[in-house]
Structure formats: C-alpha cells, structure tokens
Amino acid sequence: MEIGEFQKLIERIYFERDSRRGLAGTHMWFCEEVGELTRALRRKKADDPKSRAELEGEFADVLAWLATLASMAEIDLQAAAAKKYAQGCPRCHAAPCGCP
C-alpha cells in the first residue's frame, strides 16, 4: 500500500471523528501515540517476537495519527514527503546524508 492510499484509508475510517475533535485535540492524541512508541522502543528486547509485535503496532498507530493530522491540514503526505526528500537530504542533497 502506498502512503497516499494509507492516508485515504485512515480518512475513511477516522476523518469525521478526528475532525470533530479538531487539529489541536488530534495532535495531542498523536503525541500520546509517539510516547507509547518511545516506551515500546525502551522496552524492546532483541529477537523477542512479542517486543517486535508491540513495536509494529506502535509504529502503525503513529503513522495513522500522522496521516489523519495531514488530512486535517489538507496535506498530501506522500506528495509532501516526495517533494522534500526525492533528491536525498534536503540540505546537502546526498544519499546517504553528507551533512556534518
């Protein structure tokens, strides 16, 4: 699934409810999800399938909340990311980044 398709899927599932909450309220939920991802990364144990499943879920949640925020702000997440990073690092234009 492409990022744009994922963004549209999240819109179909959550956009109406998230829009009622507003951008600021939805952003607070996004930040909470980032915190949950942070905690999962701290608890991660090497080669533990349960840790990996938890991380996958938290990464997916953060991406979903980011997609809904982008939709609420009328930003095409896929186009924005491609525009900024298609040429490599936005500052030095290298891949991998050659910035000091």
C-alpha atoms as a PDB file:
ATOM      1  CA  MET A   1       0.000   0.000   0.000  1.00  0.00           C
ATOM      2  CA  GLU A   2       1.308   3.447  -0.943  1.00  0.00           C
ATOM      3  CA  ILE A   3       1.388   6.245   1.634  1.00  0.00           C
ATOM      4  CA  GLY A   4      -1.357   8.110  -0.239  1.00  0.00           C
ATOM      5  CA  GLU A   5      -3.592   5.028  -0.206  1.00  0.00           C
ATOM      6  CA  PHE A   6      -2.973   4.611   3.520  1.00  0.00           C
ATOM      7  CA  GLN A   7      -3.845   8.265   4.141  1.00  0.00           C
ATOM      8  CA  LYS A   8      -7.138   7.822   2.250  1.00  0.00           C
ATOM      9  CA  LEU A   9      -7.891   4.641   4.225  1.00  0.00           C
ATOM     10  CA  ILE A  10      -7.331   6.456   7.530  1.00  0.00           C
ATOM     11  CA  GLU A  11      -9.563   9.287   6.269  1.00  0.00           C
ATOM     12  CA  ARG A  12     -12.370   6.804   5.544  1.00  0.00           C
ATOM     13  CA  ILE A  13     -12.032   5.234   8.988  1.00  0.00           C
ATOM     14  CA  TYR A  14     -11.379   8.235  11.265  1.00  0.00           C
ATOM     15  CA  PHE A  15     -11.577  11.617   9.495  1.00  0.00           C
ATOM     16  CA  GLU A  16     -15.100  12.535  10.599  1.00  0.00           C
ATOM     17  CA  ARG A  17     -14.436  11.789  14.275  1.00  0.00           C
ATOM     18  CA  ASP A  18     -10.955  13.333  14.254  1.00  0.00           C
ATOM     19  CA  SER A  19     -12.273  16.489  12.558  1.00  0.00           C
ATOM     20  CA  ARG A  20     -14.850  16.936  15.320  1.00  0.00           C
ATOM     21  CA  ARG A  21     -12.013  16.724  17.866  1.00  0.00           C
ATOM     22  CA  GLY A  22     -10.090  19.388  15.964  1.00  0.00           C
ATOM     23  CA  LEU A  23      -6.468  19.721  14.966  1.00  0.00           C
ATOM     24  CA  ALA A  24      -5.181  20.600  18.452  1.00  0.00           C
ATOM     25  CA  GLY A  25      -7.017  17.735  20.145  1.00  0.00           C
ATOM     26  CA  THR A  26      -5.975  15.263  17.475  1.00  0.00           C
ATOM     27  CA  HIS A  27      -2.378  16.449  17.756  1.00  0.00           C
ATOM     28  CA  MET A  28      -2.460  15.653  21.479  1.00  0.00           C
ATOM     29  CA  TRP A  29      -3.547  12.084  20.656  1.00  0.00           C
ATOM     30  CA  PHE A  30      -0.704  11.871  18.120  1.00  0.00           C
ATOM     31  CA  CYS A  31       1.783  12.961  20.788  1.00  0.00           C
ATOM     32  CA  GLU A  32       0.418  10.323  23.156  1.00  0.00           C
ATOM     33  CA  GLU A  33       0.990   7.676  20.490  1.00  0.00           C
ATOM     34  CA  VAL A  34       4.566   8.898  19.979  1.00  0.00           C
ATOM     35  CA  GLY A  35       5.046   8.487  23.730  1.00  0.00           C
ATOM     36  CA  GLU A  36       3.741   4.917  23.542  1.00  0.00           C
ATOM     37  CA  LEU A  37       6.205   4.211  20.720  1.00  0.00           C
ATOM     38  CA  THR A  38       9.004   5.671  22.834  1.00  0.00           C
ATOM     39  CA  ARG A  39       8.127   3.377  25.741  1.00  0.00           C
ATOM     40  CA  ALA A  40       7.969   0.357  23.422  1.00  0.00           C
ATOM     41  CA  LEU A  41      11.400   1.192  21.997  1.00  0.00           C
ATOM     42  CA  ARG A  42      12.840   1.420  25.513  1.00  0.00           C
ATOM     43  CA  ARG A  43      11.370  -1.972  26.461  1.00  0.00           C
ATOM     44  CA  LYS A  44      12.421  -3.700  23.236  1.00  0.00           C
ATOM     45  CA  LYS A  45      14.313  -6.912  23.753  1.00  0.00           C
ATOM     46  CA  ALA A  46      16.466  -8.251  20.931  1.00  0.00           C
ATOM     47  CA  ASP A  47      14.799 -11.019  18.918  1.00  0.00           C
ATOM     48  CA  ASP A  48      11.686 -11.087  21.158  1.00  0.00           C
ATOM     49  CA  PRO A  49       8.641 -11.636  18.902  1.00  0.00           C
ATOM     50  CA  LYS A  50       6.340 -10.005  21.485  1.00  0.00           C
ATOM     51  CA  SER A  51       8.515  -6.856  21.546  1.00  0.00           C
ATOM     52  CA  ARG A  52       8.559  -6.789  17.759  1.00  0.00           C
ATOM     53  CA  ALA A  53       4.768  -7.111  17.542  1.00  0.00           C
ATOM     54  CA  GLU A  54       4.358  -4.287  20.068  1.00  0.00           C
ATOM     55  CA  LEU A  55       6.740  -2.067  18.081  1.00  0.00           C
ATOM     56  CA  GLU A  56       4.947  -2.815  14.809  1.00  0.00           C
ATOM     57  CA  GLY A  57       1.640  -1.823  16.389  1.00  0.00           C
ATOM     58  CA  GLU A  58       3.009   1.404  17.836  1.00  0.00           C
ATOM     59  CA  PHE A  59       4.714   2.417  14.577  1.00  0.00           C
ATOM     60  CA  ALA A  60       1.435   1.764  12.743  1.00  0.00           C
ATOM     61  CA  ASP A  61      -0.501   3.865  15.272  1.00  0.00           C
ATOM     62  CA  VAL A  62       1.925   6.797  14.938  1.00  0.00           C
ATOM     63  CA  LEU A  63       1.684   6.633  11.145  1.00  0.00           C
ATOM     64  CA  ALA A  64      -2.132   6.545  11.307  1.00  0.00           C
ATOM     65  CA  TRP A  65      -2.308   9.599  13.591  1.00  0.00           C
ATOM     66  CA  LEU A  66       0.216  11.439  11.398  1.00  0.00           C
ATOM     67  CA  ALA A  67      -1.884  10.636   8.329  1.00  0.00           C
ATOM     68  CA  THR A  68      -5.056  11.965   9.951  1.00  0.00           C
ATOM     69  CA  LEU A  69      -3.270  15.166  11.011  1.00  0.00           C
ATOM     70  CA  ALA A  70      -2.033  15.645   7.440  1.00  0.00           C
ATOM     71  CA  SER A  71      -5.552  15.117   6.095  1.00  0.00           C
ATOM     72  CA  MET A  72      -6.998  17.607   8.556  1.00  0.00           C
ATOM     73  CA  ALA A  73      -4.369  20.133   7.453  1.00  0.00           C
ATOM     74  CA  GLU A  74      -5.168  19.333   3.788  1.00  0.00           C
ATOM     75  CA  ILE A  75      -1.662  17.998   3.144  1.00  0.00           C
ATOM     76  CA  ASP A  76      -0.992  15.070   0.824  1.00  0.00           C
ATOM     77  CA  LEU A  77       1.550  13.243   2.971  1.00  0.00           C
ATOM     78  CA  GLN A  78       3.013  11.219   0.106  1.00  0.00           C
ATOM     79  CA  ALA A  79       3.458  14.271  -2.142  1.00  0.00           C
ATOM     80  CA  ALA A  80       4.945  16.352   0.689  1.00  0.00           C
ATOM     81  CA  ALA A  81       7.469  13.656   1.597  1.00  0.00           C
ATOM     82  CA  ALA A  82       8.436  13.062  -2.036  1.00  0.00           C
ATOM     83  CA  LYS A  83       8.841  16.784  -2.667  1.00  0.00           C
ATOM     84  CA  LYS A  84      11.130  17.243   0.328  1.00  0.00           C
ATOM     85  CA  TYR A  85      13.232  14.055   0.155  1.00  0.00           C
ATOM     86  CA  ALA A  86      13.246  12.947  -3.515  1.00  0.00           C
ATOM     87  CA  GLN A  87      16.708  14.438  -4.076  1.00  0.00           C
ATOM     88  CA  GLY A  88      18.172  12.986  -0.873  1.00  0.00           C
ATOM     89  CA  CYS A  89      18.964  15.076   2.177  1.00  0.00           C
ATOM     90  CA  PRO A  90      17.150  18.428   1.886  1.00  0.00           C
ATOM     91  CA  ARG A  91      20.325  20.323   2.852  1.00  0.00           C
ATOM     92  CA  CYS A  92      23.191  18.540   1.077  1.00  0.00           C
ATOM     93  CA  HIS A  93      21.096  16.603  -1.490  1.00  0.00           C
ATOM     94  CA  ALA A  94      23.129  13.440  -0.867  1.00  0.00           C
ATOM     95  CA  ALA A  95      22.004   9.926  -0.017  1.00  0.00           C
ATOM     96  CA  PRO A  96      23.264   8.987   2.443  1.00  0.00           C
ATOM     97  CA  CYS A  97      23.361  12.414   4.018  1.00  0.00           C
ATOM     98  CA  GLY A  98      26.777  14.012   3.989  1.00  0.00           C
ATOM     99  CA  CYS A  99      25.995  16.854   6.384  1.00  0.00           C
ATOM    100  CA  PRO A 100      28.443  17.265   9.268  1.00  0.00           C
END
